Amino acid sequence: MRPLAAAAFLAVAAGALAPVQAMAAQKLPLSGELRLDMDAPIITLSIGEVPLRLRVSLNQKRLIELNPDAVRRIEADPPRSGFAFESGFDALVGRERLRGVQAAAKVRINGRKMIVTLASHGRDCCKGVDGEIGLGLLPYETIIMDRKVGISAATRTLRYDLDDHPTHGPQARQTVGTDAIFVQFSLEQARTVATGSAGAILARAHDGRLDDAGEIEAAFGIKRPASTLSFATPANVGGFAYDDMIVRTADFGGAEQYPRDPDKAGDIMVQRRVPQQEAWPAVLIGRDRLDGCDRAEIDRRTNQLTLRCTAN
């Protein structure tokens, strides 16, 4: 199965990026190969004299998102005179808005000097590291993530053409019936989770029914309401089969509607009136599926992701 190309997942940028983002998106010559541990895909670089450990994220935008502590360390030892973090773009985690700061900084990666965007949103984005970096900032021809202990039954190959979206980060487009969803991947998120609009599209295609699931932890540790979407027929998302899926029904739903549950046909539905949020029909495939994969390979020239996994 190969879907065609079209911040942390379920956190989107609000407002335009400053010009430093445009500088970060500059085309750089690609060369060589970067090999990483799939269980801990971490690189180190420095902002001036401040060393940083950054997780390479499969779904981060073309920037470096930092924990607040890393921002404080850089501010205490700035890379140049006049360097400062300024007001930046906000992050929307569902309907929760986090004010952001950002700065432009010089880094060296794979022998290339680059100007990148540093961003932070007042809460930790990343556990065990200083932050995370998007694939689009890594000037390598190939990025390979392997597990130190291979999975003997990993014989299935899945390929995806990624669109490095400036707001949402790398995502692959997949047709579902007459609609389309976007598929992202996370080596950190424990379970696969869908936005409200993606859940509605999948529910229509696979006779899905919602049951309350309480809350789940989203980007930056923010809790968001969630439901379990159970399918009458298994849903194929990104080449993985799902009998059910966690859905953040209150987030990025747009005008998409869920089919009425026939078992609740007599119920009166009262919906709270809230401003309609833009639809982003996306599914983040988490470790519940990716733990069955022992290799992820990214071809930066074609923006193609290849996974080697066990049988579904």
Protein backbone atom coordinates (compact mmCIF):
# COMPACT_ATOMS: atom_id res chain seq x y z
CA MET A 1 0.00 0.00 0.00
CA ARG A 2 1.48 3.35 -1.02
CA PRO A 3 -0.45 6.52 -0.21
CA LEU A 4 0.27 9.37 -2.57
CA ALA A 5 1.68 12.67 -1.40
CA ALA A 6 -0.59 15.50 -0.85
CA ALA A 7 4.65 20.22 15.65
CA ALA A 8 3.83 17.78 17.33
CA PHE A 9 0.79 15.94 16.05
CA LEU A 10 -2.57 17.60 16.63
CA ALA A 11 -0.78 20.85 17.39
CA VAL A 12 -0.87 23.30 14.51
CA ALA A 13 0.64 26.71 13.97
CA ALA A 14 -1.63 29.69 14.45
CA GLY A 15 -0.62 32.84 12.61
CA ALA A 16 2.11 33.38 10.05
CA LEU A 17 5.69 32.43 10.72
CA ALA A 18 8.28 35.17 10.78
CA PRO A 19 10.75 35.40 7.88
CA VAL A 20 13.20 33.14 9.74
CA GLN A 21 10.97 30.21 8.76
CA ALA A 22 11.48 31.05 5.12
CA MET A 23 15.23 31.07 5.68
CA ALA A 24 15.00 27.69 7.40
CA ALA A 25 13.22 26.29 4.36
CA GLN A 26 16.11 27.15 2.02
CA LYS A 27 17.25 24.34 -0.25
CA LEU A 28 20.52 22.80 0.90
CA PRO A 29 22.65 20.26 -0.94
CA LEU A 30 21.98 16.77 0.37
CA SER A 31 24.71 14.21 0.88
CA GLY A 32 25.58 11.18 2.93
CA GLU A 33 23.63 9.02 5.29
CA LEU A 34 22.47 9.55 8.87
CA ARG A 35 21.93 6.37 10.91
CA LEU A 36 19.92 6.51 14.12
CA ASP A 37 18.57 4.17 16.78
CA MET A 38 14.86 3.81 16.04
CA ASP A 39 14.11 3.61 19.78
CA ALA A 40 16.08 6.82 20.47
CA PRO A 41 16.63 8.81 17.24
CA ILE A 42 18.73 11.57 18.77
CA ILE A 43 21.28 13.97 17.29
CA THR A 44 23.41 16.59 19.05
CA LEU A 45 24.15 20.10 17.85
CA SER A 46 25.04 23.44 19.40
CA ILE A 47 23.51 26.89 19.44
CA GLY A 48 26.63 28.96 20.04
CA GLU A 49 28.28 27.21 23.00
CA VAL A 50 25.09 25.55 24.23
CA PRO A 51 24.91 21.82 23.35
CA LEU A 52 21.48 20.36 22.60
CA ARG A 53 20.17 16.81 22.36
CA LEU A 54 17.37 16.74 19.83
CA ARG A 55 15.00 13.93 18.89
CA VAL A 56 14.53 13.49 15.15
CA SER A 57 10.76 13.50 14.68
CA LEU A 58 8.89 11.92 11.78
CA ASN A 59 6.08 14.48 12.08
CA GLN A 60 7.74 17.73 13.20
CA LYS A 61 7.69 20.81 10.99
CA ARG A 62 10.84 22.27 9.43
CA LEU A 63 12.09 23.83 12.67
CA ILE A 64 13.55 23.02 16.09
CA GLU A 65 11.00 22.94 18.92
CA LEU A 66 12.65 23.42 22.32
CA ASN A 67 11.69 22.77 25.91
CA PRO A 68 11.59 25.98 28.01
CA ASP A 69 14.71 24.92 29.94
CA ALA A 70 16.72 24.79 26.70
CA VAL A 71 15.49 28.29 25.84
CA ARG A 72 16.69 29.56 29.23
CA ARG A 73 20.13 27.99 28.72
CA ILE A 74 20.48 29.64 25.31
CA GLU A 75 19.34 33.01 26.69
CA ALA A 76 21.95 32.74 29.48
CA ASP A 77 24.71 32.10 26.92
CA PRO A 78 23.49 33.63 23.63
CA PRO A 79 25.30 32.77 20.40
CA ARG A 80 25.84 36.41 19.43
CA SER A 81 25.34 39.95 20.63
CA GLY A 82 21.74 41.05 20.28
CA PHE A 83 20.36 37.51 20.05
CA ALA A 84 16.91 37.22 21.63
CA PHE A 85 13.78 35.13 21.50
CA GLU A 86 10.84 37.21 20.32
CA SER A 87 7.11 36.69 20.07
CA GLY A 88 6.45 33.85 17.65
CA PHE A 89 3.62 31.76 16.25
CA ASP A 90 1.09 30.19 18.59
CA ALA A 91 0.42 26.47 18.75
CA LEU A 92 -3.15 25.16 18.76
CA VAL A 93 -3.51 21.88 20.62
CA GLY A 94 -7.07 21.21 19.66
CA ARG A 95 -8.74 24.37 20.94
CA GLU A 96 -6.03 25.15 23.49
CA ARG A 97 -3.73 28.00 22.42
CA LEU A 98 -0.10 28.16 23.55
CA ARG A 99 1.76 31.42 23.02
CA GLY A 100 5.07 30.94 21.29
CA VAL A 101 8.50 32.51 21.07
CA GLN A 102 11.02 32.05 18.29
CA ALA A 103 14.46 33.08 17.13
CA ALA A 104 16.75 32.57 14.17
CA ALA A 105 20.02 30.79 14.90
CA LYS A 106 23.00 29.43 13.02
CA VAL A 107 23.74 25.72 13.29
CA ARG A 108 26.03 23.27 11.57
CA ILE A 109 24.60 19.92 10.44
CA ASN A 110 26.45 17.47 8.20
CA GLY A 111 29.06 20.10 7.49
CA ARG A 112 26.51 22.67 6.36
CA LYS A 113 26.00 26.01 8.03
CA MET A 114 22.30 26.74 8.26
CA ILE A 115 19.97 29.36 9.67
CA VAL A 116 17.09 27.62 11.42
CA THR A 117 14.01 28.58 13.37
CA LEU A 118 14.06 27.86 17.10
CA ALA A 119 10.58 27.79 18.64
CA SER A 120 9.16 27.14 22.08
CA HIS A 121 5.68 27.27 23.59
CA GLY A 122 6.07 27.54 27.36
CA ARG A 123 5.65 23.82 28.09
CA ASP A 124 7.88 20.81 27.57
CA CYS A 125 7.45 19.31 24.13
CA CYS A 126 9.81 16.41 24.55
CA LYS A 127 10.77 14.08 27.41
CA GLY A 128 14.38 13.04 27.94
CA VAL A 129 15.81 15.49 25.39
CA ASP A 130 16.09 19.26 24.89
CA GLY A 131 13.67 19.33 21.97
CA GLU A 132 13.01 17.87 18.56
CA ILE A 133 14.00 18.63 15.00
CA GLY A 134 12.05 18.13 11.78
CA LEU A 135 13.27 15.89 8.97
CA GLY A 136 13.27 18.87 6.60
CA LEU A 137 16.24 20.44 8.40
CA LEU A 138 18.54 17.44 8.02
CA PRO A 139 20.72 17.82 4.88
CA TYR A 140 21.32 14.10 4.33
CA GLU A 141 20.37 12.11 1.26
CA THR A 142 19.20 9.24 3.43
CA ILE A 143 18.11 8.94 7.06
CA ILE A 144 17.91 5.39 8.40
CA MET A 145 16.45 4.42 11.77
CA ASP A 146 17.08 0.82 12.86
CA ARG A 147 16.22 -1.06 16.01
CA LYS A 148 19.27 -2.45 17.79
CA VAL A 149 17.34 -5.67 18.31
CA GLY A 150 15.74 -6.53 14.98
CA ILE A 151 12.30 -8.04 14.56
CA SER A 152 12.78 -11.44 12.91
CA ALA A 153 9.30 -11.45 11.35
CA ALA A 154 9.69 -7.97 9.84
CA THR A 155 9.30 -8.82 6.16
CA ARG A 156 6.63 -6.38 4.93
CA THR A 157 7.65 -3.16 3.21
CA LEU A 158 5.43 -0.06 3.23
CA ARG A 159 6.24 3.08 1.25
CA TYR A 160 4.77 6.56 1.59
CA ASP A 161 5.29 9.77 -0.37
CA LEU A 162 5.47 12.57 2.19
CA ASP A 163 4.44 16.17 1.75
CA ASP A 164 6.53 18.31 4.11
CA HIS A 165 3.63 20.62 4.97
CA PRO A 166 4.78 23.96 6.46
CA THR A 167 2.05 23.91 9.14
CA HIS A 168 1.44 20.22 9.85
CA GLY A 169 4.81 18.65 9.08
CA PRO A 170 5.45 15.52 6.96
CA GLN A 171 2.25 13.69 6.04
CA ALA A 172 1.09 11.22 3.40
CA ARG A 173 -2.27 11.45 1.64
CA GLN A 174 -4.57 8.44 1.59
CA THR A 175 -7.91 8.08 -0.21
CA VAL A 176 -10.80 6.80 1.89
CA GLY A 177 -13.92 6.28 -0.22
CA THR A 178 -14.60 9.62 -1.91
CA ASP A 179 -12.61 11.52 0.73
CA ALA A 180 -8.98 11.74 1.79
CA ILE A 181 -7.11 11.68 5.08
CA PHE A 182 -3.51 12.47 5.94
CA VAL A 183 -1.28 9.96 7.69
CA GLN A 184 1.57 10.88 10.02
CA PHE A 185 3.94 8.73 12.07
CA SER A 186 5.27 8.95 15.62
CA LEU A 187 7.91 6.85 17.37
CA GLU A 188 6.91 8.48 20.69
CA GLN A 189 3.09 8.41 20.77
CA ALA A 190 1.89 5.20 22.43
CA ARG A 191 -1.37 4.78 20.53
CA THR A 192 -2.68 5.75 17.12
CA VAL A 193 -4.98 8.77 17.33
CA ALA A 194 -7.15 10.58 14.79
CA THR A 195 -8.53 14.09 14.55
CA GLY A 196 -12.28 14.65 14.63
CA SER A 197 -12.57 15.05 10.85
CA ALA A 198 -10.43 11.98 10.10
CA GLY A 199 -12.56 9.96 12.53
CA ALA A 200 -15.74 11.06 10.77
CA ILE A 201 -14.38 10.08 7.35
CA LEU A 202 -13.29 6.67 8.62
CA ALA A 203 -16.59 6.17 10.45
CA ARG A 204 -18.57 6.72 7.24
CA ALA A 205 -16.36 4.34 5.27
CA HIS A 206 -16.27 1.55 7.88
CA ASP A 207 -19.58 1.89 9.73
CA GLY A 208 -17.89 3.33 12.81
CA ARG A 209 -19.51 3.90 16.22
CA LEU A 210 -18.24 6.20 18.97
CA ASP A 211 -17.93 5.43 22.67
CA ASP A 212 -16.59 7.85 25.27
CA ALA A 213 -12.96 7.24 26.25
CA GLY A 214 -12.36 10.18 28.60
CA GLU A 215 -9.21 12.15 27.89
CA ILE A 216 -5.84 11.53 26.30
CA GLU A 217 -2.57 13.44 26.55
CA ALA A 218 -1.87 15.44 23.42
CA ALA A 219 1.05 17.67 22.43
CA PHE A 220 2.82 19.55 25.22
CA GLY A 221 1.12 17.32 27.81
CA ILE A 222 -2.28 18.95 27.32
CA LYS A 223 -5.30 16.72 28.02
CA ARG A 224 -7.98 16.59 25.32
CA PRO A 225 -11.37 14.81 25.19
CA ALA A 226 -11.33 11.56 23.25
CA SER A 227 -13.61 8.75 22.13
CA THR A 228 -13.07 5.20 20.91
CA LEU A 229 -14.22 4.69 17.34
CA SER A 230 -15.08 1.03 16.70
CA PHE A 231 -15.39 -0.20 13.09
CA ALA A 232 -17.82 -2.79 11.76
CA THR A 233 -15.22 -3.63 9.09
CA PRO A 234 -11.47 -3.12 9.73
CA ALA A 235 -10.07 0.21 8.56
CA ASN A 236 -6.82 0.20 6.63
CA VAL A 237 -4.83 3.30 7.55
CA GLY A 238 -1.33 3.62 6.19
CA GLY A 239 -1.25 -0.11 5.48
CA PHE A 240 -2.16 -1.06 9.07
CA ALA A 241 -5.49 -2.62 10.03
CA TYR A 242 -7.61 -1.17 12.85
CA ASP A 243 -10.70 -2.60 14.51
CA ASP A 244 -10.92 0.57 16.58
CA MET A 245 -9.07 3.85 17.03
CA ILE A 246 -8.84 6.70 19.53
CA VAL A 247 -10.33 9.91 18.12
CA ARG A 248 -10.06 13.46 19.42
CA THR A 249 -13.60 14.28 18.39
CA ALA A 250 -13.45 17.91 19.59
CA ASP A 251 -10.34 18.78 17.57
CA PHE A 252 -9.92 19.83 13.92
CA GLY A 253 -13.30 18.44 12.90
CA GLY A 254 -14.50 21.17 10.56
CA ALA A 255 -17.96 20.43 9.19
CA GLU A 256 -17.47 16.65 9.07
CA GLN A 257 -20.34 14.72 10.67
CA TYR A 258 -20.41 11.24 12.21
CA PRO A 259 -23.12 8.80 11.13
CA ARG A 260 -25.92 8.41 13.68
CA ASP A 261 -25.72 5.29 15.81
CA PRO A 262 -28.89 3.24 15.08
CA ASP A 263 -28.84 1.93 18.66
CA LYS A 264 -29.31 5.52 19.83
CA ALA A 265 -31.83 6.60 17.19
CA GLY A 266 -34.30 7.80 19.83
CA ASP A 267 -31.76 9.87 21.73
CA ILE A 268 -31.92 13.65 21.55
CA MET A 269 -28.51 15.08 20.70
CA VAL A 270 -27.67 18.48 22.21
CA GLN A 271 -24.49 19.95 20.79
CA ARG A 272 -22.63 22.80 22.42
CA ARG A 273 -22.25 25.78 20.12
CA VAL A 274 -18.56 26.50 19.64
CA PRO A 275 -16.77 28.21 16.75
CA GLN A 276 -16.11 25.73 13.97
CA GLN A 277 -12.46 24.76 13.78
CA GLU A 278 -10.75 24.12 10.47
CA ALA A 279 -10.83 20.48 9.41
CA TRP A 280 -7.53 18.64 9.40
CA PRO A 281 -8.36 14.98 8.66
CA ALA A 282 -5.20 13.39 10.02
CA VAL A 283 -4.29 10.12 11.70
CA LEU A 284 -1.07 9.78 13.69
CA ILE A 285 0.13 6.18 13.62
CA GLY A 286 1.79 5.44 16.94
CA ARG A 287 3.86 2.76 18.57
CA ASP A 288 0.91 0.36 18.75
CA ARG A 289 1.79 -0.30 15.08
CA LEU A 290 5.31 1.06 14.64
CA ASP A 291 6.74 -1.14 17.41
CA GLY A 292 6.23 -3.93 14.86
CA CYS A 293 8.67 -2.21 12.48
CA ASP A 294 12.44 -2.55 12.72
CA ARG A 295 13.48 0.02 10.12
CA ALA A 296 12.39 3.44 8.91
CA GLU A 297 14.24 4.89 5.92
CA ILE A 298 13.70 8.40 4.61
CA ASP A 299 14.91 9.37 1.14
CA ARG A 300 15.26 13.15 1.42
CA ARG A 301 15.61 13.60 -2.35
CA THR A 302 12.14 12.18 -3.01
CA ASN A 303 10.64 12.67 0.49
CA GLN A 304 9.73 8.99 0.54
CA LEU A 305 9.42 7.05 3.80
CA THR A 306 9.92 3.28 3.75
CA LEU A 307 8.97 1.10 6.74
CA ARG A 308 9.95 -2.55 7.22
CA CYS A 309 7.39 -4.22 9.48
CA THR A 310 5.86 -7.49 10.55
CA ALA A 311 2.84 -8.94 8.78
CA ASN A 312 -0.27 -6.97 9.67
